[in-house]
Amino acid sequence: MAQRKIIVNIATSADGYVARPDGDLEWLTERPAPKGFYGLPAFERSVDAKILGRKTFDRSLQLGAPFGGDRVHYVFSRQPPPQSVPAGVQFVTESIPAFAERLRTQPGKNVWLMGGGEIIAAFLDEGAIDELILTVMPVFIGEGIPLLAPRHREVALRLLGLQQFPDGVVQLHYEVPRSPVSPD
């Protein structure tokens, strides 16, 4: 049986932001999406767990996102959990490498690392991301929450696929190699 993968699947503006400074997503949500919604429904069927940072979790609660069901939601936070935690949500305090190793060895589907930029950066810095699917929207928003929290890093990626949509959206699918990428 194949080992579970931890996969980032996220939309970003062409200038590398996942939301406006206040978390607003109108530049993303108010645009009409094509049939198949950039492959998201198919991707969602390939995962059975999601990883979120605390800010993304709190924002998801504000927006009324559903929790529970047959998916586990792992929330990384340095703060204590809220008084009331929705069913299916587990707060995680263990180290990212230990958590990722434990998750990968458990039976199940792949795991969706949703965001935000802090948790994606932390997982990337620990070598705990297997793949990234970046859906690049054809819009500059000028400022906001970056796709990755800024740090000094260099991570080589290997392109697995590229898809262009009629509305100008481009989706890049990368693998994060475990060892350095050799030039072809």
Protein backbone atom coordinates (compact mmCIF):
# COMPACT_ATOMS: atom_id res chain seq x y z
CA MET A 1 0.00 0.00 0.00
CA ALA A 2 1.31 3.44 -0.93
CA GLN A 3 2.26 5.79 1.86
CA ARG A 4 -0.05 8.72 2.47
CA LYS A 5 1.15 12.05 1.12
CA ILE A 6 0.82 15.51 2.63
CA ILE A 7 -0.30 17.78 -0.21
CA VAL A 8 -0.76 21.54 -0.24
CA ASN A 9 -3.62 22.56 -2.55
CA ILE A 10 -4.18 26.29 -2.47
CA ALA A 11 -5.19 29.22 -4.63
CA THR A 12 -2.88 32.22 -4.85
CA SER A 13 -2.94 35.55 -6.59
CA ALA A 14 -0.40 36.03 -9.38
CA ASP A 15 1.68 38.08 -6.93
CA GLY A 16 1.79 35.26 -4.36
CA TYR A 17 -0.92 36.10 -1.81
CA VAL A 18 -3.57 33.72 -0.47
CA ALA A 19 -5.74 36.46 1.09
CA ARG A 20 -5.86 40.19 1.69
CA PRO A 21 -4.21 41.48 4.92
CA ASP A 22 -7.54 41.14 6.79
CA GLY A 23 -8.12 37.59 5.45
CA ASP A 24 -10.64 38.72 2.83
CA LEU A 25 -10.99 36.43 -0.19
CA GLU A 26 -13.41 38.36 -2.44
CA TRP A 27 -10.79 38.51 -5.23
CA LEU A 28 -11.00 34.70 -5.27
CA THR A 29 -14.56 33.81 -4.32
CA GLU A 30 -16.40 36.35 -6.48
CA ARG A 31 -14.98 35.12 -9.77
CA PRO A 32 -16.97 32.48 -11.69
CA ALA A 33 -15.26 29.09 -11.65
CA PRO A 34 -15.31 26.70 -14.61
CA LYS A 35 -17.05 23.34 -14.58
CA GLY A 36 -14.97 21.00 -12.41
CA PHE A 37 -13.90 23.90 -10.17
CA TYR A 38 -10.18 23.56 -11.05
CA GLY A 39 -10.18 19.87 -10.05
CA LEU A 40 -10.99 20.59 -6.40
CA PRO A 41 -13.91 18.11 -6.03
CA ALA A 42 -11.76 15.27 -7.40
CA PHE A 43 -8.88 16.31 -5.14
CA GLU A 44 -11.19 16.37 -2.10
CA ARG A 45 -12.19 12.76 -2.82
CA SER A 46 -8.49 11.78 -2.67
CA VAL A 47 -8.02 13.03 0.92
CA ASP A 48 -9.49 12.02 4.26
CA ALA A 49 -7.80 14.52 6.58
CA LYS A 50 -6.93 18.22 6.55
CA ILE A 51 -4.22 20.21 8.33
CA LEU A 52 -4.80 23.85 9.22
CA GLY A 53 -2.99 26.51 11.15
CA ARG A 54 -4.86 28.22 13.99
CA LYS A 55 -5.59 31.43 12.04
CA THR A 56 -7.03 29.43 9.12
CA PHE A 57 -9.11 27.36 11.55
CA ASP A 58 -10.49 30.46 13.29
CA ARG A 59 -11.27 32.12 9.93
CA SER A 60 -12.95 28.91 8.70
CA LEU A 61 -15.19 28.91 11.79
CA GLN A 62 -16.11 32.56 11.11
CA LEU A 63 -17.04 31.70 7.53
CA GLY A 64 -19.18 28.75 8.66
CA ALA A 65 -17.01 26.00 7.19
CA PRO A 66 -18.27 22.51 8.04
CA PHE A 67 -16.19 20.32 10.33
CA GLY A 68 -16.79 16.71 11.31
CA GLY A 69 -18.13 14.11 8.95
CA ASP A 70 -15.67 11.46 7.83
CA ARG A 71 -12.65 13.80 7.77
CA VAL A 72 -10.31 14.61 10.60
CA HIS A 73 -9.11 18.21 10.83
CA TYR A 74 -5.73 18.66 12.52
CA VAL A 75 -5.14 22.17 13.82
CA PHE A 76 -1.62 23.30 14.72
CA SER A 77 -1.63 25.99 17.37
CA ARG A 78 0.62 27.37 20.08
CA GLN A 79 -2.52 28.61 21.89
CA PRO A 80 -4.85 26.38 23.89
CA PRO A 81 -7.89 25.09 21.99
CA PRO A 82 -11.14 27.06 22.28
CA GLN A 83 -13.72 26.00 24.89
CA SER A 84 -15.83 24.30 22.24
CA VAL A 85 -14.05 22.29 19.55
CA PRO A 86 -16.15 20.96 16.63
CA ALA A 87 -16.43 17.19 16.19
CA GLY A 88 -13.60 15.74 14.13
CA VAL A 89 -11.14 18.53 15.04
CA GLN A 90 -7.93 17.61 16.83
CA PHE A 91 -5.49 20.21 18.11
CA VAL A 92 -1.86 19.18 17.57
CA THR A 93 1.09 20.16 19.74
CA GLU A 94 3.66 17.55 18.68
CA SER A 95 6.54 18.45 16.39
CA ILE A 96 5.86 18.62 12.67
CA PRO A 97 8.36 15.84 11.77
CA ALA A 98 6.89 13.44 14.35
CA PHE A 99 3.33 14.30 13.35
CA ALA A 100 4.04 13.94 9.60
CA GLU A 101 5.79 10.60 10.07
CA ARG A 102 2.95 9.26 12.23
CA LEU A 103 0.32 10.45 9.74
CA ARG A 104 2.12 9.03 6.70
CA THR A 105 2.38 5.58 8.27
CA GLN A 106 -1.31 5.39 9.23
CA PRO A 107 -3.67 3.79 6.73
CA GLY A 108 -5.82 6.21 4.80
CA LYS A 109 -6.01 8.59 1.89
CA ASN A 110 -3.73 11.57 1.34
CA VAL A 111 -3.79 14.58 3.67
CA TRP A 112 -4.62 18.13 2.57
CA LEU A 113 -2.42 20.82 4.09
CA MET A 114 -4.78 23.76 3.61
CA GLY A 115 -2.91 26.65 5.14
CA GLY A 116 -2.22 29.33 5.88
CA GLY A 117 1.18 30.66 4.99
CA GLU A 118 2.72 30.09 8.44
CA ILE A 119 1.85 26.38 8.67
CA ILE A 120 2.74 25.75 5.02
CA ALA A 121 6.14 27.40 5.58
CA ALA A 122 6.72 25.44 8.80
CA PHE A 123 5.91 22.11 7.10
CA LEU A 124 8.06 23.03 4.09
CA ASP A 125 11.00 23.97 6.32
CA GLU A 126 10.72 20.58 8.06
CA GLY A 127 10.62 18.63 4.78
CA ALA A 128 7.08 17.49 5.60
CA ILE A 129 5.32 18.40 2.32
CA ASP A 130 5.22 15.85 -0.50
CA GLU A 131 3.41 17.83 -3.19
CA LEU A 132 2.06 21.32 -3.87
CA ILE A 133 -0.85 22.17 -6.15
CA LEU A 134 -0.84 25.92 -6.71
CA THR A 135 -3.85 27.40 -8.50
CA VAL A 136 -2.64 30.79 -9.70
CA MET A 137 -5.41 33.34 -10.26
CA PRO A 138 -4.80 35.97 -12.96
CA VAL A 139 -4.98 38.92 -10.57
CA PHE A 140 -2.55 41.01 -8.55
CA ILE A 141 -3.89 42.06 -5.15
CA GLY A 142 -0.84 44.10 -4.13
CA GLU A 143 -0.57 43.06 -0.50
CA GLY A 144 -1.85 40.40 1.82
CA ILE A 145 -1.08 37.11 3.46
CA PRO A 146 1.75 35.46 1.51
CA LEU A 147 1.54 31.89 0.23
CA LEU A 148 4.59 31.16 2.41
CA ALA A 149 5.65 33.01 5.51
CA PRO A 150 8.94 34.72 4.63
CA ARG A 151 12.07 32.97 5.80
CA HIS A 152 15.49 32.34 4.32
CA ARG A 153 15.02 29.12 2.38
CA GLU A 154 15.69 27.52 -0.95
CA VAL A 155 13.57 24.52 -1.86
CA ALA A 156 13.85 23.02 -5.33
CA LEU A 157 10.60 21.68 -6.77
CA ARG A 158 9.97 19.14 -9.52
CA LEU A 159 7.11 19.95 -11.90
CA LEU A 160 4.60 17.08 -12.14
CA GLY A 161 1.98 18.85 -14.22
CA LEU A 162 0.63 22.10 -15.55
CA GLN A 163 -2.95 22.87 -16.47
CA GLN A 164 -4.29 26.03 -18.08
CA PHE A 165 -7.96 26.93 -17.77
CA PRO A 166 -10.03 29.05 -20.20
CA ASP A 167 -10.43 31.85 -17.61
CA GLY A 168 -6.68 32.45 -17.43
CA VAL A 169 -6.10 30.40 -14.28
CA VAL A 170 -3.00 28.21 -14.30
CA GLN A 171 -2.53 25.24 -11.99
CA LEU A 172 0.98 24.07 -11.18
CA HIS A 173 1.52 20.65 -9.60
CA TYR A 174 4.91 20.15 -7.95
CA GLU A 175 6.66 17.42 -6.04
CA VAL A 176 8.93 18.38 -3.17
CA PRO A 177 11.84 15.96 -3.63
CA ARG A 178 13.30 14.32 -0.55
CA SER A 179 16.78 14.75 -1.99
CA PRO A 180 18.23 17.56 -4.09
CA VAL A 181 16.84 17.88 -7.61
CA SER A 182 19.39 17.18 -10.31
CA PRO A 183 19.18 19.33 -13.44
CA ASP A 184 17.95 17.49 -16.54
